[in-house]
Protein backbone atom coordinates (compact mmCIF):
# COMPACT_ATOMS: atom_id res chain seq x y z
CA MET A 1 0.01 -0.02 -0.02
CA GLU A 2 1.30 3.48 -0.87
CA PHE A 3 0.47 6.24 1.57
CA ALA A 4 0.21 9.81 0.24
CA PHE A 5 -1.06 13.16 1.36
CA THR A 6 -3.60 15.09 -0.71
CA THR A 7 -2.51 17.97 -2.96
CA GLU A 8 -4.01 20.45 -0.47
CA GLN A 9 -2.13 18.86 2.40
CA GLU A 10 1.15 19.05 0.53
CA GLN A 11 0.46 22.73 -0.25
CA PHE A 12 -0.14 23.29 3.46
CA ARG A 13 3.19 21.58 4.21
CA GLY A 14 4.85 24.09 1.95
CA GLU A 15 3.16 26.95 3.76
CA VAL A 16 4.43 25.66 7.07
CA GLN A 17 7.99 25.29 5.74
CA ASN A 18 7.89 28.86 4.46
CA PHE A 19 6.52 30.23 7.73
CA ILE A 20 9.25 28.47 9.75
CA ARG A 21 11.94 29.78 7.44
CA ASP A 22 10.64 33.35 7.64
CA ASN A 23 9.84 33.48 11.37
CA TRP A 24 11.95 31.07 13.38
CA SER A 25 15.29 32.25 14.75
CA SER A 26 17.01 29.99 17.22
CA ALA A 27 18.40 31.25 20.50
CA PRO A 28 21.64 33.30 20.29
CA ALA A 29 24.94 31.43 19.97
CA GLY A 30 26.21 30.24 23.31
CA SER A 31 22.74 29.86 24.87
CA ARG A 32 21.99 26.61 26.64
CA ALA A 33 18.94 24.41 26.98
CA GLY A 34 16.65 25.76 29.67
CA ASP A 35 18.31 29.16 30.01
CA ASP A 36 16.53 32.51 29.68
CA ALA A 37 17.80 33.25 26.15
CA THR A 38 16.42 29.93 24.86
CA TYR A 39 13.14 30.45 26.64
CA GLU A 40 12.71 33.96 25.22
CA ALA A 41 13.48 32.82 21.66
CA ASP A 42 11.02 29.95 21.90
CA HIS A 43 8.31 32.12 23.46
CA ALA A 44 8.68 34.88 20.89
CA TYR A 45 8.12 32.33 18.13
CA GLU A 46 5.16 30.73 19.95
CA LEU A 47 3.54 34.17 20.14
CA LYS A 48 3.87 34.42 16.34
CA LEU A 49 2.29 31.00 15.94
CA ALA A 50 -0.58 31.93 18.26
CA GLU A 51 -1.17 35.11 16.25
CA HIS A 52 -1.17 33.07 13.04
CA GLY A 53 -3.60 30.51 14.53
CA TRP A 54 -1.20 27.60 14.33
CA LEU A 55 -0.17 27.04 17.93
CA THR A 56 -3.27 25.02 18.76
CA MET A 57 -4.60 24.55 15.28
CA ALA A 58 -6.66 21.36 15.86
CA TRP A 59 -8.41 22.73 18.92
CA PRO A 60 -12.03 23.84 18.59
CA LYS A 61 -12.36 27.53 17.67
CA LYS A 62 -14.36 28.27 20.84
CA TYR A 63 -11.25 27.36 22.91
CA GLY A 64 -8.82 29.42 20.86
CA GLY A 65 -7.90 26.81 18.21
CA ALA A 66 -8.16 27.04 14.43
CA GLY A 67 -10.50 24.04 14.08
CA ALA A 68 -7.99 22.43 11.70
CA THR A 69 -7.91 18.74 11.00
CA HIS A 70 -5.69 16.41 12.96
CA MET A 71 -3.75 15.70 9.76
CA GLU A 72 -3.00 19.36 9.28
CA GLN A 73 -1.78 19.56 12.82
CA LEU A 74 0.37 16.45 12.17
CA ILE A 75 1.97 18.12 9.16
CA PHE A 76 2.65 21.30 11.20
CA ARG A 77 4.21 19.47 14.11
CA GLU A 78 6.29 17.24 11.89
CA GLU A 79 7.77 20.14 9.99
CA SER A 80 8.35 22.05 13.25
CA ALA A 81 10.22 19.15 14.79
CA TYR A 82 12.24 18.61 11.65
CA ALA A 83 13.30 22.26 11.75
CA SER A 84 14.00 22.16 15.48
CA ALA A 85 11.36 24.88 15.93
CA PRO A 86 8.97 25.20 18.87
CA GLY A 87 5.30 24.35 18.40
CA ALA A 88 5.55 20.58 18.01
CA GLY A 89 4.25 19.94 21.51
CA GLY A 90 4.70 21.25 25.02
CA GLN A 91 2.89 20.56 28.24
CA GLY A 92 0.05 22.99 27.73
CA ILE A 93 -0.45 22.57 24.01
CA SER A 94 -0.33 18.78 23.58
CA MET A 95 -1.12 17.46 27.07
CA VAL A 96 -2.98 19.75 29.51
CA GLY A 97 -5.19 21.38 26.94
CA PRO A 98 -6.52 18.18 25.30
CA CYS A 99 -6.90 16.54 28.71
CA VAL A 100 -8.90 19.43 30.05
CA MET A 101 -11.17 19.18 27.01
CA VAL A 102 -11.82 15.53 27.78
CA HIS A 103 -12.03 15.52 31.60
CA GLY A 104 -12.39 19.13 32.68
CA THR A 105 -15.46 21.11 33.61
CA GLU A 106 -16.65 23.89 31.32
CA GLU A 107 -15.36 26.40 33.92
CA GLN A 108 -11.91 24.80 33.78
CA ARG A 109 -11.94 24.92 30.04
CA GLN A 110 -12.81 28.61 30.02
CA GLN A 111 -10.15 29.33 32.63
CA HIS A 112 -7.20 27.43 31.21
CA LEU A 113 -7.55 26.89 27.50
CA PRO A 114 -7.39 30.51 26.21
CA GLY A 115 -4.09 31.17 28.01
CA ILE A 116 -2.52 28.12 26.41
CA ALA A 117 -3.88 28.91 22.96
CA SER A 118 -2.49 32.48 23.13
CA ALA A 119 0.98 31.34 24.35
CA GLN A 120 0.49 33.50 27.44
CA VAL A 121 0.52 30.62 29.99
CA ARG A 122 3.17 27.94 30.17
CA TRP A 123 2.80 24.63 32.05
CA ALA A 124 5.07 22.20 33.90
CA GLN A 125 4.30 18.58 34.75
CA GLY A 126 4.39 17.49 38.41
CA PHE A 127 4.37 13.66 38.06
CA SER A 128 7.73 12.05 38.84
CA GLU A 129 8.97 11.76 42.43
CA PRO A 130 12.34 10.75 43.96
CA GLY A 131 11.03 7.41 45.25
CA SER A 132 8.65 6.59 42.39
CA GLY A 133 11.00 6.15 39.44
CA SER A 134 9.08 4.72 36.48
CA ASP A 135 6.42 3.36 38.83
CA LEU A 136 4.35 6.51 38.79
CA ALA A 137 1.46 4.96 40.72
CA SER A 138 3.68 4.67 43.83
CA LEU A 139 3.77 8.50 44.23
CA GLN A 140 3.52 9.84 47.81
CA THR A 141 2.75 13.56 47.48
CA ARG A 142 -0.39 14.01 49.60
CA ALA A 143 -3.47 16.17 49.17
CA VAL A 144 -5.77 16.39 52.18
CA LYS A 145 -9.25 17.91 52.00
CA ASP A 146 -9.72 20.99 54.20
CA GLY A 147 -12.98 22.82 53.71
CA ASP A 148 -13.22 24.02 50.16
CA ASP A 149 -9.50 23.44 49.56
CA TYR A 150 -6.99 20.64 49.43
CA VAL A 151 -3.65 20.99 51.18
CA ILE A 152 -0.73 19.51 49.32
CA ASN A 153 2.62 18.39 50.73
CA GLY A 154 5.40 16.49 48.95
CA GLN A 155 8.11 16.68 46.33
CA LYS A 156 8.34 16.27 42.53
CA ILE A 157 11.52 15.81 40.54
CA TRP A 158 12.79 16.10 36.94
CA THR A 159 10.24 18.82 36.36
CA SER A 160 11.11 20.26 32.96
CA ASP A 161 11.07 24.03 32.61
CA ALA A 162 9.34 24.57 35.97
CA HIS A 163 11.51 27.72 36.44
CA HIS A 164 9.77 29.30 33.37
CA SER A 165 6.24 27.97 33.98
CA ASP A 166 3.11 29.72 35.18
CA TRP A 167 1.08 26.64 36.17
CA ILE A 168 1.79 23.02 37.00
CA HIS A 169 -0.40 19.93 36.70
CA VAL A 170 0.15 17.59 39.63
CA LEU A 171 -0.72 14.03 40.61
CA THR A 172 -1.29 13.55 44.37
CA ARG A 173 -2.43 10.79 46.69
CA THR A 174 -5.82 11.53 48.29
CA ASP A 175 -6.55 8.06 49.67
CA PRO A 176 -3.41 6.42 51.16
CA ASP A 177 -5.29 3.20 51.98
CA ALA A 178 -6.47 2.50 48.44
CA PRO A 179 -4.49 0.30 46.00
CA LYS A 180 -1.72 2.42 44.45
CA HIS A 181 -3.41 2.93 41.08
CA ARG A 182 -6.44 4.18 42.89
CA GLY A 183 -6.59 6.93 45.49
CA ILE A 184 -4.78 9.42 43.24
CA SER A 185 -6.22 12.83 42.31
CA TYR A 186 -5.19 15.31 39.72
CA PHE A 187 -4.79 19.09 40.38
CA LEU A 188 -4.05 22.21 38.38
CA LEU A 189 -1.93 24.67 40.39
CA ASP A 190 -0.83 28.24 39.91
CA MET A 191 2.99 28.31 40.38
CA LYS A 192 2.61 31.54 42.39
CA THR A 193 0.68 29.72 45.08
CA PRO A 194 2.37 30.08 48.53
CA GLY A 195 4.30 27.01 49.54
CA ILE A 196 5.61 26.02 46.07
CA GLU A 197 9.41 26.13 45.79
CA VAL A 198 11.40 25.37 42.61
CA ARG A 199 15.02 24.23 42.96
CA PRO A 200 17.24 23.80 39.85
CA LEU A 201 18.79 20.50 38.81
CA ILE A 202 21.90 21.19 36.73
CA ASN A 203 23.10 18.37 34.43
CA MET A 204 26.67 17.40 33.54
CA LEU A 205 26.69 19.87 30.63
CA GLY A 206 25.75 22.75 32.89
CA ASP A 207 22.23 22.97 31.48
CA HIS A 208 19.24 23.86 33.62
CA GLU A 209 16.19 22.20 32.14
CA PHE A 210 15.10 20.04 35.10
CA ASN A 211 13.98 21.07 38.54
CA GLU A 212 12.81 19.76 41.90
CA VAL A 213 9.52 21.20 43.05
CA TYR A 214 8.55 21.17 46.72
CA PHE A 215 4.98 21.61 48.05
CA THR A 216 4.67 22.71 51.66
CA ASP A 217 1.10 23.24 52.95
CA VAL A 218 0.03 24.37 49.46
CA ARG A 219 -3.69 25.20 49.36
CA VAL A 220 -5.51 24.58 46.12
CA PRO A 221 -9.23 25.12 45.62
CA ALA A 222 -11.27 21.89 45.13
CA SER A 223 -12.45 23.43 41.83
CA GLN A 224 -8.97 22.91 40.40
CA MET A 225 -9.22 19.13 40.69
CA LEU A 226 -9.26 17.66 37.17
CA GLY A 227 -11.71 14.78 36.93
CA GLU A 228 -13.06 12.89 39.94
CA GLN A 229 -11.39 12.46 43.30
CA ASN A 230 -9.30 9.30 43.48
CA ARG A 231 -9.59 8.82 39.72
CA GLY A 232 -6.57 10.91 38.78
CA TRP A 233 -4.63 7.90 37.52
CA TYR A 234 -7.12 7.40 34.72
CA VAL A 235 -7.11 11.09 33.82
CA ALA A 236 -3.30 10.89 33.63
CA ALA A 237 -3.50 7.83 31.41
CA THR A 238 -5.50 9.86 28.90
CA LEU A 239 -3.01 12.70 29.06
CA LEU A 240 -0.03 10.41 28.54
CA ASP A 241 -1.70 9.05 25.43
CA PHE A 242 -1.66 12.62 24.04
CA GLU A 243 2.02 12.95 25.03
CA ARG A 244 3.05 9.72 23.34
CA SER A 245 1.25 10.48 20.07
CA GLY A 246 3.72 13.09 18.72
CA VAL A 247 5.44 12.82 15.37
CA ASN A 248 8.48 14.70 16.74
CA TRP A 249 10.41 11.49 17.45
CA SER A 250 10.50 10.38 13.85
CA ALA A 251 11.06 13.89 12.45
CA ASN A 252 14.01 14.50 14.83
CA SER A 253 15.55 11.10 14.02
CA ARG A 254 15.08 11.60 10.28
CA ARG A 255 16.86 14.99 10.42
CA GLN A 256 19.73 13.59 12.46
CA VAL A 257 20.19 10.58 10.15
CA GLU A 258 20.35 12.93 7.20
CA GLY A 259 22.89 15.03 9.04
CA LEU A 260 25.01 12.01 9.82
CA ALA A 261 24.92 10.93 6.19
CA ALA A 262 26.11 14.38 5.17
CA TYR A 263 28.92 14.18 7.69
CA ALA A 264 29.92 10.75 6.39
CA ARG A 265 30.05 12.04 2.82
CA GLU A 266 32.31 14.95 3.81
CA HIS A 267 34.78 13.25 6.19
CA SER A 268 37.28 10.41 5.91
CA GLY A 269 37.87 7.62 8.32
CA ARG A 270 40.72 7.45 10.78
CA ALA A 271 42.82 5.17 8.54
CA GLY A 272 43.45 6.30 4.96
CA GLY A 273 41.64 8.87 2.91
CA ALA A 274 38.44 7.02 2.10
CA ARG A 275 35.23 8.75 3.01
CA LEU A 276 33.24 7.37 5.93
CA ILE A 277 30.30 6.85 3.58
CA ASP A 278 32.38 4.44 1.49
CA ASP A 279 32.55 2.01 4.44
CA PRO A 280 29.81 -0.66 3.91
CA GLY A 281 29.22 -0.80 7.67
CA VAL A 282 28.52 2.93 7.84
CA ARG A 283 26.23 2.81 4.80
CA GLY A 284 24.37 -0.19 6.24
CA GLY A 285 23.99 1.49 9.64
CA LEU A 286 22.65 4.67 8.12
CA ALA A 287 20.22 2.71 5.91
CA GLU A 288 18.92 0.76 8.86
CA LEU A 289 18.32 3.94 10.90
CA ALA A 290 16.61 5.61 7.95
CA ILE A 291 14.23 2.60 7.69
CA GLU A 292 13.49 2.75 11.38
CA ALA A 293 12.79 6.49 11.15
CA ALA A 294 10.26 5.74 8.40
CA ILE A 295 8.64 3.05 10.62
CA SER A 296 8.45 5.52 13.50
CA ARG A 297 6.80 8.02 11.21
CA LEU A 298 4.10 5.56 10.15
CA LEU A 299 3.45 4.57 13.78
CA SER A 300 2.82 8.22 14.62
CA TYR A 301 0.62 8.62 11.55
CA ARG A 302 -1.55 5.78 12.81
CA VAL A 303 -2.02 7.48 16.14
CA VAL A 304 -3.07 10.74 14.47
CA TRP A 305 -5.49 8.88 12.24
CA MET A 306 -7.16 7.37 15.32
CA GLN A 307 -7.44 10.86 16.85
CA SER A 308 -9.02 12.09 13.63
CA GLN A 309 -11.69 9.41 14.08
CA SER A 310 -12.47 10.61 17.62
CA LEU A 311 -10.68 7.62 19.09
CA ILE A 312 -8.23 7.88 22.03
CA PRO A 313 -5.15 5.73 21.19
CA ASN A 314 -3.82 3.69 24.01
CA TYR A 315 -1.38 0.89 23.20
CA GLU A 316 -0.88 2.44 19.75
CA ALA A 317 0.39 5.65 21.33
CA SER A 318 2.60 3.69 23.68
CA MET A 319 4.10 1.81 20.74
CA SER A 320 4.84 5.06 18.96
CA LYS A 321 6.47 6.61 22.05
CA MET A 322 8.60 3.60 22.90
CA PHE A 323 9.79 2.97 19.33
CA GLY A 324 10.48 6.63 18.72
CA SER A 325 12.31 7.29 21.95
CA GLU A 326 14.44 4.19 21.65
CA LEU A 327 15.20 5.07 17.99
CA SER A 328 16.52 8.47 19.13
CA GLN A 329 18.97 6.65 21.42
CA ARG A 330 20.10 4.38 18.63
CA VAL A 331 20.71 7.37 16.34
CA ALA A 332 22.66 9.17 19.04
CA ASN A 333 24.76 6.05 19.74
CA PHE A 334 25.54 5.57 16.03
CA GLY A 335 26.43 9.23 15.60
CA THR A 336 28.79 9.20 18.56
CA ARG A 337 30.63 6.14 17.21
CA LEU A 338 30.71 7.58 13.70
CA ILE A 339 32.05 10.99 14.59
CA GLY A 340 34.01 10.10 17.71
CA LEU A 341 34.99 12.65 20.39
CA PRO A 342 34.14 15.65 18.16
CA SER A 343 30.50 14.57 18.42
CA GLN A 344 30.46 16.26 21.84
CA ARG A 345 31.16 19.69 20.33
CA ALA A 346 28.23 22.05 19.85
CA ASP A 347 29.47 23.34 16.50
CA VAL A 348 29.41 19.79 15.03
CA ASP A 349 25.89 19.24 16.34
CA ASP A 350 24.71 22.56 14.89
CA ALA A 351 26.27 21.84 11.50
CA TYR A 352 24.81 18.33 11.06
CA ALA A 353 21.71 18.25 13.27
């Protein structure tokens, strides 16, 4: 079977490519992931996308979207990821917003969706905890009912971009006696709420993307619970399906494989003057990764097709996320072995990414 986009969809892809070329400027040289310069460059571009109606293009118009098809949104996000431009996802755009549409009250939709659609409000995710690891259901952050509020105490970790976020969506335990997948409730919190403290986590490269977030007697109105009490795990499962459905994995891998192929055509191996691309092992490795990137692309297309049919993908989205994320590791490993120590230099990455 041969898959193809319509003529109109291909024309739209060209429009997206032109818009990115004319409007996207990466952060200044020397800026690092998570720093203020990178944040400001990304945010400035997202404001342009919001003004153009493309930031949340598949959302309903009444919530600030463009009412575009899921396939149009797929094309936009794929081209954005391929160009390393913002707009291919983000907590508010691809996770909180769609989840609020499914599980939120109309009041929550009116409160939270316009700010996301206009790029005025940024979100962080308060899921992971130091003792939970990949077993998210074992989380221990507590929320206790007190009148019309809940009082939250606990700690979250690996919270991406919390230092630049306005709101955070948090999983808490509201029934400590229930089985671990039950007794969890989901809250939406303003980061300015008293008792929330953000502490930076600096990685080995000196980048500040991750954070620890501490909650000390944080009061949140009961109206900011998303979904039913003690049913937060099932709300989160819906949200994670949205997270895992992105086409950015395959687009990033495809761009990197193309960059590695360009590097191999321009550089010789350590012994002799033959180009790296003339080595059958290099050619075979690049070909295998290119095929896997195409498979990853089709997996993500399947997820988007399901969304276009008003279906919520579950195992299909998980397949796409797992295959795509592991593929990115294989591409990085191959590139490191191909280029050697210079692969750690930013100028090499910029030239061939």
